[in-house]
mmCIF file of all heavy atoms, coordinates in Angstrom:
data_MODEL
# 
_entry.id   MODEL 
# 
loop_
_atom_site.group_PDB 
_atom_site.id 
_atom_site.type_symbol 
_atom_site.label_atom_id 
_atom_site.label_alt_id 
_atom_site.label_comp_id 
_atom_site.label_asym_id 
_atom_site.label_entity_id 
_atom_site.label_seq_id 
_atom_site.pdbx_PDB_ins_code 
_atom_site.Cartn_x 
_atom_site.Cartn_y 
_atom_site.Cartn_z 
_atom_site.occupancy 
_atom_site.B_iso_or_equiv 
_atom_site.pdbx_formal_charge 
_atom_site.auth_seq_id 
_atom_site.auth_comp_id 
_atom_site.auth_asym_id 
_atom_site.auth_atom_id 
_atom_site.pdbx_PDB_model_num 
ATOM 1   N N   . THR A 1 1  ? 0.824  -1.215 0.000  1.00 0.00 ? 1  THR A N   1 
ATOM 2   C CA  . THR A 1 1  ? 0.000  0.000  0.000  1.00 0.00 ? 1  THR A CA  1 
ATOM 3   C C   . THR A 1 1  ? 0.858  1.264  0.000  1.00 0.00 ? 1  THR A C   1 
ATOM 4   O O   . THR A 1 1  ? 0.308  2.380  0.004  1.00 0.00 ? 1  THR A O   1 
ATOM 5   C CB  . THR A 1 1  ? -0.928 0.036  1.233  1.00 0.00 ? 1  THR A CB  1 
ATOM 6   O OG1 . THR A 1 1  ? -0.149 0.267  2.422  1.00 0.00 ? 1  THR A OG1 1 
ATOM 7   C CG2 . THR A 1 1  ? -1.697 -1.269 1.367  1.00 0.00 ? 1  THR A CG2 1 
ATOM 8   N N   . MET A 1 2  ? 2.169  1.091  0.004  1.00 0.00 ? 2  MET A N   1 
ATOM 9   C CA  . MET A 1 2  ? 3.071  2.236  0.018  1.00 0.00 ? 2  MET A CA  1 
ATOM 10  C C   . MET A 1 2  ? 3.848  2.290  -1.288 1.00 0.00 ? 2  MET A C   1 
ATOM 11  O O   . MET A 1 2  ? 4.062  1.262  -1.948 1.00 0.00 ? 2  MET A O   1 
ATOM 12  C CB  . MET A 1 2  ? 4.007  2.156  1.217  1.00 0.00 ? 2  MET A CB  1 
ATOM 13  C CG  . MET A 1 2  ? 3.256  2.078  2.553  1.00 0.00 ? 2  MET A CG  1 
ATOM 14  S SD  . MET A 1 2  ? 4.328  2.032  3.997  1.00 0.00 ? 2  MET A SD  1 
ATOM 15  C CE  . MET A 1 2  ? 4.860  3.749  4.071  1.00 0.00 ? 2  MET A CE  1 
ATOM 16  N N   . SER A 1 3  ? 4.281  3.464  -1.674 1.00 0.00 ? 3  SER A N   1 
ATOM 17  C CA  . SER A 1 3  ? 4.946  3.657  -2.961 1.00 0.00 ? 3  SER A CA  1 
ATOM 18  C C   . SER A 1 3  ? 6.416  3.281  -2.895 1.00 0.00 ? 3  SER A C   1 
ATOM 19  O O   . SER A 1 3  ? 6.994  3.124  -1.822 1.00 0.00 ? 3  SER A O   1 
ATOM 20  C CB  . SER A 1 3  ? 4.820  5.114  -3.396 1.00 0.00 ? 3  SER A CB  1 
ATOM 21  O OG  . SER A 1 3  ? 5.599  5.943  -2.536 1.00 0.00 ? 3  SER A OG  1 
ATOM 22  N N   . GLU A 1 4  ? 7.030  3.172  -4.078 1.00 0.00 ? 4  GLU A N   1 
ATOM 23  C CA  . GLU A 1 4  ? 8.466  2.933  -4.126 1.00 0.00 ? 4  GLU A CA  1 
ATOM 24  C C   . GLU A 1 4  ? 9.227  4.083  -3.469 1.00 0.00 ? 4  GLU A C   1 
ATOM 25  O O   . GLU A 1 4  ? 10.229 3.872  -2.776 1.00 0.00 ? 4  GLU A O   1 
ATOM 26  C CB  . GLU A 1 4  ? 8.922  2.764  -5.578 1.00 0.00 ? 4  GLU A CB  1 
ATOM 27  C CG  . GLU A 1 4  ? 10.422 2.508  -5.715 1.00 0.00 ? 4  GLU A CG  1 
ATOM 28  C CD  . GLU A 1 4  ? 10.852 2.310  -7.150 1.00 0.00 ? 4  GLU A CD  1 
ATOM 29  O OE1 . GLU A 1 4  ? 10.132 1.616  -7.904 1.00 0.00 ? 4  GLU A OE1 1 
ATOM 30  O OE2 . GLU A 1 4  ? 11.914 2.851  -7.521 1.00 0.00 ? 4  GLU A OE2 1 
ATOM 31  N N   . ALA A 1 5  ? 8.739  5.298  -3.655 1.00 0.00 ? 5  ALA A N   1 
ATOM 32  C CA  . ALA A 1 5  ? 9.375  6.453  -3.012 1.00 0.00 ? 5  ALA A CA  1 
ATOM 33  C C   . ALA A 1 5  ? 9.307  6.335  -1.493 1.00 0.00 ? 5  ALA A C   1 
ATOM 34  O O   . ALA A 1 5  ? 10.273 6.677  -0.782 1.00 0.00 ? 5  ALA A O   1 
ATOM 35  C CB  . ALA A 1 5  ? 8.704  7.742  -3.472 1.00 0.00 ? 5  ALA A CB  1 
ATOM 36  N N   . ASP A 1 6  ? 8.173  5.840  -0.986 1.00 0.00 ? 6  ASP A N   1 
ATOM 37  C CA  . ASP A 1 6  ? 8.052  5.618  0.460  1.00 0.00 ? 6  ASP A CA  1 
ATOM 38  C C   . ASP A 1 6  ? 9.075  4.594  0.938  1.00 0.00 ? 6  ASP A C   1 
ATOM 39  O O   . ASP A 1 6  ? 9.702  4.776  1.990  1.00 0.00 ? 6  ASP A O   1 
ATOM 40  C CB  . ASP A 1 6  ? 6.647  5.115  0.801  1.00 0.00 ? 6  ASP A CB  1 
ATOM 41  C CG  . ASP A 1 6  ? 5.580  6.184  0.658  1.00 0.00 ? 6  ASP A CG  1 
ATOM 42  O OD1 . ASP A 1 6  ? 5.924  7.379  0.777  1.00 0.00 ? 6  ASP A OD1 1 
ATOM 43  O OD2 . ASP A 1 6  ? 4.413  5.823  0.426  1.00 0.00 ? 6  ASP A OD2 1 
ATOM 44  N N   . SER A 1 7  ? 9.236  3.525  0.172  1.00 0.00 ? 7  SER A N   1 
ATOM 45  C CA  . SER A 1 7  ? 10.186 2.481  0.556  1.00 0.00 ? 7  SER A CA  1 
ATOM 46  C C   . SER A 1 7  ? 11.602 3.028  0.625  1.00 0.00 ? 7  SER A C   1 
ATOM 47  O O   . SER A 1 7  ? 12.366 2.717  1.546  1.00 0.00 ? 7  SER A O   1 
ATOM 48  C CB  . SER A 1 7  ? 10.120 1.304  -0.427 1.00 0.00 ? 7  SER A CB  1 
ATOM 49  O OG  . SER A 1 7  ? 8.891  0.620  -0.317 1.00 0.00 ? 7  SER A OG  1 
ATOM 50  N N   . ARG A 1 8  ? 11.966 3.839  -0.356 1.00 0.00 ? 8  ARG A N   1 
ATOM 51  C CA  . ARG A 1 8  ? 13.304 4.433  -0.349 1.00 0.00 ? 8  ARG A CA  1 
ATOM 52  C C   . ARG A 1 8  ? 13.478 5.379  0.843  1.00 0.00 ? 8  ARG A C   1 
ATOM 53  O O   . ARG A 1 8  ? 14.523 5.382  1.498  1.00 0.00 ? 8  ARG A O   1 
ATOM 54  C CB  . ARG A 1 8  ? 13.558 5.178  -1.667 1.00 0.00 ? 8  ARG A CB  1 
ATOM 55  C CG  . ARG A 1 8  ? 13.647 4.277  -2.890 1.00 0.00 ? 8  ARG A CG  1 
ATOM 56  C CD  . ARG A 1 8  ? 13.962 5.072  -4.147 1.00 0.00 ? 8  ARG A CD  1 
ATOM 57  N NE  . ARG A 1 8  ? 13.858 4.231  -5.331 1.00 0.00 ? 8  ARG A NE  1 
ATOM 58  C CZ  . ARG A 1 8  ? 14.828 3.420  -5.772 1.00 0.00 ? 8  ARG A CZ  1 
ATOM 59  N NH1 . ARG A 1 8  ? 15.975 3.372  -5.109 1.00 0.00 ? 8  ARG A NH1 1 
ATOM 60  N NH2 . ARG A 1 8  ? 14.646 2.682  -6.852 1.00 0.00 ? 8  ARG A NH2 1 
ATOM 61  N N   . LYS A 1 9  ? 12.468 6.170  1.121  1.00 0.00 ? 9  LYS A N   1 
ATOM 62  C CA  . LYS A 1 9  ? 12.567 7.102  2.243  1.00 0.00 ? 9  LYS A CA  1 
ATOM 63  C C   . LYS A 1 9  ? 12.658 6.347  3.566  1.00 0.00 ? 9  LYS A C   1 
ATOM 64  O O   . LYS A 1 9  ? 13.425 6.736  4.462  1.00 0.00 ? 9  LYS A O   1 
ATOM 65  C CB  . LYS A 1 9  ? 11.363 8.049  2.246  1.00 0.00 ? 9  LYS A CB  1 
ATOM 66  C CG  . LYS A 1 9  ? 11.402 9.094  3.372  1.00 0.00 ? 9  LYS A CG  1 
ATOM 67  C CD  . LYS A 1 9  ? 12.642 9.975  3.295  1.00 0.00 ? 9  LYS A CD  1 
ATOM 68  C CE  . LYS A 1 9  ? 12.631 11.040 4.397  1.00 0.00 ? 9  LYS A CE  1 
ATOM 69  N NZ  . LYS A 1 9  ? 13.849 11.884 4.376  1.00 0.00 ? 9  LYS A NZ  1 
ATOM 70  N N   . LEU A 1 10 ? 11.895 5.278  3.712  1.00 0.00 ? 10 LEU A N   1 
ATOM 71  C CA  . LEU A 1 10 ? 11.959 4.494  4.947  1.00 0.00 ? 10 LEU A CA  1 
ATOM 72  C C   . LEU A 1 10 ? 13.366 3.960  5.184  1.00 0.00 ? 10 LEU A C   1 
ATOM 73  O O   . LEU A 1 10 ? 13.883 4.008  6.312  1.00 0.00 ? 10 LEU A O   1 
ATOM 74  C CB  . LEU A 1 10 ? 10.955 3.344  4.899  1.00 0.00 ? 10 LEU A CB  1 
ATOM 75  C CG  . LEU A 1 10 ? 9.500  3.695  5.180  1.00 0.00 ? 10 LEU A CG  1 
ATOM 76  C CD1 . LEU A 1 10 ? 8.604  2.501  4.878  1.00 0.00 ? 10 LEU A CD1 1 
ATOM 77  C CD2 . LEU A 1 10 ? 9.320  4.143  6.630  1.00 0.00 ? 10 LEU A CD2 1 
ATOM 78  N N   . ILE A 1 11 ? 13.985 3.444  4.145  1.00 0.00 ? 11 ILE A N   1 
ATOM 79  C CA  . ILE A 1 11 ? 15.343 2.936  4.294  1.00 0.00 ? 11 ILE A CA  1 
ATOM 80  C C   . ILE A 1 11 ? 16.300 4.076  4.629  1.00 0.00 ? 11 ILE A C   1 
ATOM 81  O O   . ILE A 1 11 ? 17.185 3.942  5.485  1.00 0.00 ? 11 ILE A O   1 
ATOM 82  C CB  . ILE A 1 11 ? 15.793 2.190  3.029  1.00 0.00 ? 11 ILE A CB  1 
ATOM 83  C CG1 . ILE A 1 11 ? 14.938 0.926  2.826  1.00 0.00 ? 11 ILE A CG1 1 
ATOM 84  C CG2 . ILE A 1 11 ? 17.274 1.822  3.106  1.00 0.00 ? 11 ILE A CG2 1 
ATOM 85  C CD1 . ILE A 1 11 ? 15.198 0.206  1.514  1.00 0.00 ? 11 ILE A CD1 1 
ATOM 86  N N   . ALA A 1 12 ? 16.119 5.232  3.988  1.00 0.00 ? 12 ALA A N   1 
ATOM 87  C CA  . ALA A 1 12 ? 16.977 6.383  4.261  1.00 0.00 ? 12 ALA A CA  1 
ATOM 88  C C   . ALA A 1 12 ? 16.850 6.827  5.719  1.00 0.00 ? 12 ALA A C   1 
ATOM 89  O O   . ALA A 1 12 ? 17.852 7.150  6.372  1.00 0.00 ? 12 ALA A O   1 
ATOM 90  C CB  . ALA A 1 12 ? 16.618 7.534  3.318  1.00 0.00 ? 12 ALA A CB  1 
ATOM 91  N N   . VAL A 1 13 ? 15.628 6.832  6.239  1.00 0.00 ? 13 VAL A N   1 
ATOM 92  C CA  . VAL A 1 13 ? 15.424 7.224  7.636  1.00 0.00 ? 13 VAL A CA  1 
ATOM 93  C C   . VAL A 1 13 ? 16.020 6.173  8.572  1.00 0.00 ? 13 VAL A C   1 
ATOM 94  O O   . VAL A 1 13 ? 16.634 6.510  9.594  1.00 0.00 ? 13 VAL A O   1 
ATOM 95  C CB  . VAL A 1 13 ? 13.924 7.438  7.917  1.00 0.00 ? 13 VAL A CB  1 
ATOM 96  C CG1 . VAL A 1 13 ? 13.695 7.764  9.396  1.00 0.00 ? 13 VAL A CG1 1 
ATOM 97  C CG2 . VAL A 1 13 ? 13.367 8.549  7.045  1.00 0.00 ? 13 VAL A CG2 1 
ATOM 98  N N   . TYR A 1 14 ? 15.861 4.909  8.224  1.00 0.00 ? 14 TYR A N   1 
ATOM 99  C CA  . TYR A 1 14 ? 16.470 3.825  9.013  1.00 0.00 ? 14 TYR A CA  1 
ATOM 100 C C   . TYR A 1 14 ? 17.986 4.016  9.086  1.00 0.00 ? 14 TYR A C   1 
ATOM 101 O O   . TYR A 1 14 ? 18.590 3.878  10.153 1.00 0.00 ? 14 TYR A O   1 
ATOM 102 C CB  . TYR A 1 14 ? 16.102 2.477  8.387  1.00 0.00 ? 14 TYR A CB  1 
ATOM 103 C CG  . TYR A 1 14 ? 16.654 1.275  9.113  1.00 0.00 ? 14 TYR A CG  1 
ATOM 104 C CD1 . TYR A 1 14 ? 16.093 0.844  10.311 1.00 0.00 ? 14 TYR A CD1 1 
ATOM 105 C CD2 . TYR A 1 14 ? 17.723 0.553  8.595  1.00 0.00 ? 14 TYR A CD2 1 
ATOM 106 C CE1 . TYR A 1 14 ? 16.589 -0.275 10.975 1.00 0.00 ? 14 TYR A CE1 1 
ATOM 107 C CE2 . TYR A 1 14 ? 18.222 -0.566 9.245  1.00 0.00 ? 14 TYR A CE2 1 
ATOM 108 C CZ  . TYR A 1 14 ? 17.653 -0.980 10.430 1.00 0.00 ? 14 TYR A CZ  1 
ATOM 109 O OH  . TYR A 1 14 ? 18.146 -2.085 11.079 1.00 0.00 ? 14 TYR A OH  1 
ATOM 110 N N   . TRP A 1 15 ? 18.599 4.324  7.964  1.00 0.00 ? 15 TRP A N   1 
ATOM 111 C CA  . TRP A 1 15 ? 20.039 4.586  7.950  1.00 0.00 ? 15 TRP A CA  1 
ATOM 112 C C   . TRP A 1 15 ? 20.380 5.756  8.872  1.00 0.00 ? 15 TRP A C   1 
ATOM 113 O O   . TRP A 1 15 ? 21.395 5.726  9.589  1.00 0.00 ? 15 TRP A O   1 
ATOM 114 C CB  . TRP A 1 15 ? 20.501 4.900  6.532  1.00 0.00 ? 15 TRP A CB  1 
ATOM 115 C CG  . TRP A 1 15 ? 20.589 3.718  5.619  1.00 0.00 ? 15 TRP A CG  1 
ATOM 116 C CD1 . TRP A 1 15 ? 20.174 2.448  5.867  1.00 0.00 ? 15 TRP A CD1 1 
ATOM 117 C CD2 . TRP A 1 15 ? 21.117 3.713  4.291  1.00 0.00 ? 15 TRP A CD2 1 
ATOM 118 N NE1 . TRP A 1 15 ? 20.404 1.638  4.776  1.00 0.00 ? 15 TRP A NE1 1 
ATOM 119 C CE2 . TRP A 1 15 ? 20.988 2.391  3.798  1.00 0.00 ? 15 TRP A CE2 1 
ATOM 120 C CE3 . TRP A 1 15 ? 21.667 4.685  3.468  1.00 0.00 ? 15 TRP A CE3 1 
ATOM 121 C CZ2 . TRP A 1 15 ? 21.419 2.033  2.516  1.00 0.00 ? 15 TRP A CZ2 1 
ATOM 122 C CZ3 . TRP A 1 15 ? 22.089 4.328  2.194  1.00 0.00 ? 15 TRP A CZ3 1 
ATOM 123 C CH2 . TRP A 1 15 ? 21.966 3.013  1.719  1.00 0.00 ? 15 TRP A CH2 1 
ATOM 124 N N   . GLY A 1 16 ? 19.545 6.800  8.852  1.00 0.00 ? 16 GLY A N   1 
ATOM 125 C CA  . GLY A 1 16 ? 19.778 7.920  9.748  1.00 0.00 ? 16 GLY A CA  1 
ATOM 126 C C   . GLY A 1 16 ? 19.733 7.507  11.206 1.00 0.00 ? 16 GLY A C   1 
ATOM 127 O O   . GLY A 1 16 ? 20.526 7.997  12.033 1.00 0.00 ? 16 GLY A O   1 
ATOM 128 N N   . TYR A 1 17 ? 18.820 6.610  11.528 1.00 0.00 ? 17 TYR A N   1 
ATOM 129 C CA  . TYR A 1 17 ? 18.708 6.090  12.898 1.00 0.00 ? 17 TYR A CA  1 
ATOM 130 C C   . TYR A 1 17 ? 19.992 5.341  13.276 1.00 0.00 ? 17 TYR A C   1 
ATOM 131 O O   . TYR A 1 17 ? 20.511 5.481  14.391 1.00 0.00 ? 17 TYR A O   1 
ATOM 132 C CB  . TYR A 1 17 ? 17.490 5.179  12.983 1.00 0.00 ? 17 TYR A CB  1 
ATOM 133 C CG  . TYR A 1 17 ? 16.900 5.002  14.362 1.00 0.00 ? 17 TYR A CG  1 
ATOM 134 C CD1 . TYR A 1 17 ? 15.684 4.339  14.507 1.00 0.00 ? 17 TYR A CD1 1 
ATOM 135 C CD2 . TYR A 1 17 ? 17.522 5.470  15.513 1.00 0.00 ? 17 TYR A CD2 1 
ATOM 136 C CE1 . TYR A 1 17 ? 15.098 4.157  15.757 1.00 0.00 ? 17 TYR A CE1 1 
ATOM 137 C CE2 . TYR A 1 17 ? 16.952 5.288  16.769 1.00 0.00 ? 17 TYR A CE2 1 
ATOM 138 C CZ  . TYR A 1 17 ? 15.741 4.627  16.878 1.00 0.00 ? 17 TYR A CZ  1 
ATOM 139 O OH  . TYR A 1 17 ? 15.162 4.451  18.112 1.00 0.00 ? 17 TYR A OH  1 
ATOM 140 N N   . VAL A 1 18 ? 20.495 4.544  12.347 1.00 0.00 ? 18 VAL A N   1 
ATOM 141 C CA  . VAL A 1 18 ? 21.737 3.804  12.585 1.00 0.00 ? 18 VAL A CA  1 
ATOM 142 C C   . VAL A 1 18 ? 22.891 4.761  12.876 1.00 0.00 ? 18 VAL A C   1 
ATOM 143 O O   . VAL A 1 18 ? 23.699 4.544  13.796 1.00 0.00 ? 18 VAL A O   1 
ATOM 144 C CB  . VAL A 1 18 ? 22.063 2.896  11.378 1.00 0.00 ? 18 VAL A CB  1 
ATOM 145 C CG1 . VAL A 1 18 ? 23.475 2.327  11.472 1.00 0.00 ? 18 VAL A CG1 1 
ATOM 146 C CG2 . VAL A 1 18 ? 21.035 1.764  11.275 1.00 0.00 ? 18 VAL A CG2 1 
ATOM 147 N N   . THR A 1 19 ? 22.983 5.841  12.114 1.00 0.00 ? 19 THR A N   1 
ATOM 148 C CA  . THR A 1 19 ? 24.045 6.821  12.328 1.00 0.00 ? 19 THR A CA  1 
ATOM 149 C C   . THR A 1 19 ? 23.895 7.522  13.675 1.00 0.00 ? 19 THR A C   1 
ATOM 150 O O   . THR A 1 19 ? 24.886 7.745  14.391 1.00 0.00 ? 19 THR A O   1 
ATOM 151 C CB  . THR A 1 19 ? 24.061 7.850  11.189 1.00 0.00 ? 19 THR A CB  1 
ATOM 152 O OG1 . THR A 1 19 ? 24.422 7.189  9.976  1.00 0.00 ? 19 THR A OG1 1 
ATOM 153 C CG2 . THR A 1 19 ? 25.050 8.968  11.457 1.00 0.00 ? 19 THR A CG2 1 
ATOM 154 N N   . LEU A 1 20 ? 22.662 7.876  14.059 1.00 0.00 ? 20 LEU A N   1 
ATOM 155 C CA  . LEU A 1 20 ? 22.418 8.480  15.363 1.00 0.00 ? 20 LEU A CA  1 
ATOM 156 C C   . LEU A 1 20 ? 22.933 7.581  16.485 1.00 0.00 ? 20 LEU A C   1 
ATOM 157 O O   . LEU A 1 20 ? 23.621 8.039  17.407 1.00 0.00 ? 20 LEU A O   1 
ATOM 158 C CB  . LEU A 1 20 ? 20.922 8.748  15.533 1.00 0.00 ? 20 LEU A CB  1 
ATOM 159 C CG  . LEU A 1 20 ? 20.446 9.135  16.937 1.00 0.00 ? 20 LEU A CG  1 
ATOM 160 C CD1 . LEU A 1 20 ? 21.101 10.433 17.407 1.00 0.00 ? 20 LEU A CD1 1 
ATOM 161 C CD2 . LEU A 1 20 ? 18.916 9.258  16.979 1.00 0.00 ? 20 LEU A CD2 1 
ATOM 162 N N   . ILE A 1 21 ? 22.612 6.299  16.407 1.00 0.00 ? 21 ILE A N   1 
ATOM 163 C CA  . ILE A 1 21 ? 23.046 5.366  17.450 1.00 0.00 ? 21 ILE A CA  1 
ATOM 164 C C   . ILE A 1 21 ? 24.562 5.197  17.425 1.00 0.00 ? 21 ILE A C   1 
ATOM 165 O O   . ILE A 1 21 ? 25.211 5.140  18.481 1.00 0.00 ? 21 ILE A O   1 
ATOM 166 C CB  . ILE A 1 21 ? 22.319 4.022  17.282 1.00 0.00 ? 21 ILE A CB  1 
ATOM 167 C CG1 . ILE A 1 21 ? 20.834 4.189  17.620 1.00 0.00 ? 21 ILE A CG1 1 
ATOM 168 C CG2 . ILE A 1 21 ? 22.951 2.943  18.154 1.00 0.00 ? 21 ILE A CG2 1 
ATOM 169 C CD1 . ILE A 1 21 ? 19.980 2.988  17.329 1.00 0.00 ? 21 ILE A CD1 1 
ATOM 170 N N   . ASP A 1 22 ? 25.152 5.129  16.243 1.00 0.00 ? 22 ASP A N   1 
ATOM 171 C CA  . ASP A 1 22 ? 26.601 5.012  16.148 1.00 0.00 ? 22 ASP A CA  1 
ATOM 172 C C   . ASP A 1 22 ? 27.289 6.183  16.857 1.00 0.00 ? 22 ASP A C   1 
ATOM 173 O O   . ASP A 1 22 ? 28.293 6.000  17.561 1.00 0.00 ? 22 ASP A O   1 
ATOM 174 C CB  . ASP A 1 22 ? 27.028 4.962  14.685 1.00 0.00 ? 22 ASP A CB  1 
ATOM 175 C CG  . ASP A 1 22 ? 28.534 4.829  14.519 1.00 0.00 ? 22 ASP A CG  1 
ATOM 176 O OD1 . ASP A 1 22 ? 29.048 3.700  14.632 1.00 0.00 ? 22 ASP A OD1 1 
ATOM 177 O OD2 . ASP A 1 22 ? 29.189 5.876  14.304 1.00 0.00 ? 22 ASP A OD2 1 
ATOM 178 N N   . GLU A 1 23 ? 26.765 7.381  16.676 1.00 0.00 ? 23 GLU A N   1 
ATOM 179 C CA  . GLU A 1 23 ? 27.361 8.552  17.328 1.00 0.00 ? 23 GLU A CA  1 
ATOM 180 C C   . GLU A 1 23 ? 27.284 8.444  18.845 1.00 0.00 ? 23 GLU A C   1 
ATOM 181 O O   . GLU A 1 23 ? 28.235 8.834  19.556 1.00 0.00 ? 23 GLU A O   1 
ATOM 182 C CB  . GLU A 1 23 ? 26.663 9.824  16.846 1.00 0.00 ? 23 GLU A CB  1 
ATOM 183 C CG  . GLU A 1 23 ? 26.947 10.149 15.388 1.00 0.00 ? 23 GLU A CG  1 
ATOM 184 C CD  . GLU A 1 23 ? 26.164 11.342 14.878 1.00 0.00 ? 23 GLU A CD  1 
ATOM 185 O OE1 . GLU A 1 23 ? 25.368 11.913 15.652 1.00 0.00 ? 23 GLU A OE1 1 
ATOM 186 O OE2 . GLU A 1 23 ? 26.353 11.703 13.694 1.00 0.00 ? 23 GLU A OE2 1 
ATOM 187 N N   . GLN A 1 24 ? 26.189 7.919  19.356 1.00 0.00 ? 24 GLN A N   1 
ATOM 188 C CA  . GLN A 1 24 ? 26.058 7.778  20.816 1.00 0.00 ? 24 GLN A CA  1 
ATOM 189 C C   . GLN A 1 24 ? 26.997 6.691  21.348 1.00 0.00 ? 24 GLN A C   1 
ATOM 190 O O   . GLN A 1 24 ? 27.572 6.837  22.433 1.00 0.00 ? 24 GLN A O   1 
ATOM 191 C CB  . GLN A 1 24 ? 24.605 7.469  21.191 1.00 0.00 ? 24 GLN A CB  1 
ATOM 192 C CG  . GLN A 1 24 ? 23.597 8.491  20.674 1.00 0.00 ? 24 GLN A CG  1 
ATOM 193 C CD  . GLN A 1 24 ? 24.058 9.924  20.849 1.00 0.00 ? 24 GLN A CD  1 
ATOM 194 O OE1 . GLN A 1 24 ? 24.420 10.347 21.953 1.00 0.00 ? 24 GLN A OE1 1 
ATOM 195 N NE2 . GLN A 1 24 ? 24.066 10.678 19.758 1.00 0.00 ? 24 GLN A NE2 1 
ATOM 196 N N   . ILE A 1 25 ? 27.155 5.632  20.583 1.00 0.00 ? 25 ILE A N   1 
ATOM 197 C CA  . ILE A 1 25 ? 28.127 4.600  20.961 1.00 0.00 ? 25 ILE A CA  1 
ATOM 198 C C   . ILE A 1 25 ? 29.527 5.205  21.007 1.00 0.00 ? 25 ILE A C   1 
ATOM 199 O O   . ILE A 1 25 ? 30.316 4.933  21.927 1.00 0.00 ? 25 ILE A O   1 
ATOM 200 C CB  . ILE A 1 25 ? 28.065 3.420  19.977 1.00 0.00 ? 25 ILE A CB  1 
ATOM 201 C CG1 . ILE A 1 25 ? 26.742 2.650  20.158 1.00 0.00 ? 25 ILE A CG1 1 
ATOM 202 C CG2 . ILE A 1 25 ? 29.258 2.475  20.170 1.00 0.00 ? 25 ILE A CG2 1 
ATOM 203 C CD1 . ILE A 1 25 ? 26.494 1.598  19.096 1.00 0.00 ? 25 ILE A CD1 1 
ATOM 204 N N   . GLY A 1 26 ? 29.837 6.061  20.040 1.00 0.00 ? 26 GLY A N   1 
ATOM 205 C CA  . GLY A 1 26 ? 31.132 6.717  20.019 1.00 0.00 ? 26 GLY A CA  1 
ATOM 206 C C   . GLY A 1 26 ? 31.376 7.545  21.263 1.00 0.00 ? 26 GLY A C   1 
ATOM 207 O O   . GLY A 1 26 ? 32.498 7.574  21.805 1.00 0.00 ? 26 GLY A O   1 
ATOM 208 N N   . ARG A 1 27 ? 30.343 8.239  21.746 1.00 0.00 ? 27 ARG A N   1 
ATOM 209 C CA  . ARG A 1 27 ? 30.482 9.038  22.970 1.00 0.00 ? 27 ARG A CA  1 
ATOM 210 C C   . ARG A 1 27 ? 30.818 8.167  24.170 1.00 0.00 ? 27 ARG A C   1 
ATOM 211 O O   . ARG A 1 27 ? 31.672 8.518  25.004 1.00 0.00 ? 27 ARG A O   1 
ATOM 212 C CB  . ARG A 1 27 ? 29.191 9.811  23.240 1.00 0.00 ? 27 ARG A CB  1 
ATOM 213 C CG  . ARG A 1 27 ? 28.860 10.874 22.195 1.00 0.00 ? 27 ARG A CG  1 
ATOM 214 C CD  . ARG A 1 27 ? 27.516 11.535 22.499 1.00 0.00 ? 27 ARG A CD  1 
ATOM 215 N NE  . ARG A 1 27 ? 27.518 12.125 23.821 1.00 0.00 ? 27 ARG A NE  1 
ATOM 216 C CZ  . ARG A 1 27 ? 26.554 11.962 24.739 1.00 0.00 ? 27 ARG A CZ  1 
ATOM 217 N NH1 . ARG A 1 27 ? 25.501 11.208 24.449 1.00 0.00 ? 27 ARG A NH1 1 
ATOM 218 N NH2 . ARG A 1 27 ? 26.622 12.539 25.908 1.00 0.00 ? 27 ARG A NH2 1 
ATOM 219 N N   . VAL A 1 28 ? 30.162 7.018  24.266 1.00 0.00 ? 28 VAL A N   1 
ATOM 220 C CA  . VAL A 1 28 ? 30.379 6.132  25.408 1.00 0.00 ? 28 VAL A CA  1 
ATOM 221 C C   . VAL A 1 28 ? 31.777 5.509  25.352 1.00 0.00 ? 28 VAL A C   1 
ATOM 222 O O   . VAL A 1 28 ? 32.491 5.458  26.368 1.00 0.00 ? 28 VAL A O   1 
ATOM 223 C CB  . VAL A 1 28 ? 29.292 5.038  25.444 1.00 0.00 ? 28 VAL A CB  1 
ATOM 224 C CG1 . VAL A 1 28 ? 29.580 4.023  26.546 1.00 0.00 ? 28 VAL A CG1 1 
ATOM 225 C CG2 . VAL A 1 28 ? 27.916 5.666  25.640 1.00 0.00 ? 28 VAL A CG2 1 
ATOM 226 N N   . VAL A 1 29 ? 32.181 5.049  24.197 1.00 0.00 ? 29 VAL A N   1 
ATOM 227 C CA  . VAL A 1 29 ? 33.515 4.444  24.059 1.00 0.00 ? 29 VAL A CA  1 
ATOM 228 C C   . VAL A 1 29 ? 34.602 5.489  24.321 1.00 0.00 ? 29 VAL A C   1 
ATOM 229 O O   . VAL A 1 29 ? 35.629 5.193  24.953 1.00 0.00 ? 29 VAL A O   1 
ATOM 230 C CB  . VAL A 1 29 ? 33.679 3.800  22.668 1.00 0.00 ? 29 VAL A CB  1 
ATOM 231 C CG1 . VAL A 1 29 ? 35.112 3.336  22.443 1.00 0.00 ? 29 VAL A CG1 1 
ATOM 232 C CG2 . VAL A 1 29 ? 32.711 2.620  22.520 1.00 0.00 ? 29 VAL A CG2 1 
# 
């Protein structure tokens, strides 16, 4: 029920979430 553009954006946002968490891990280490 979602478009190809939606699918691409979802993955892009997921990647952003991964980067956010990586930065916080970096602070702790």
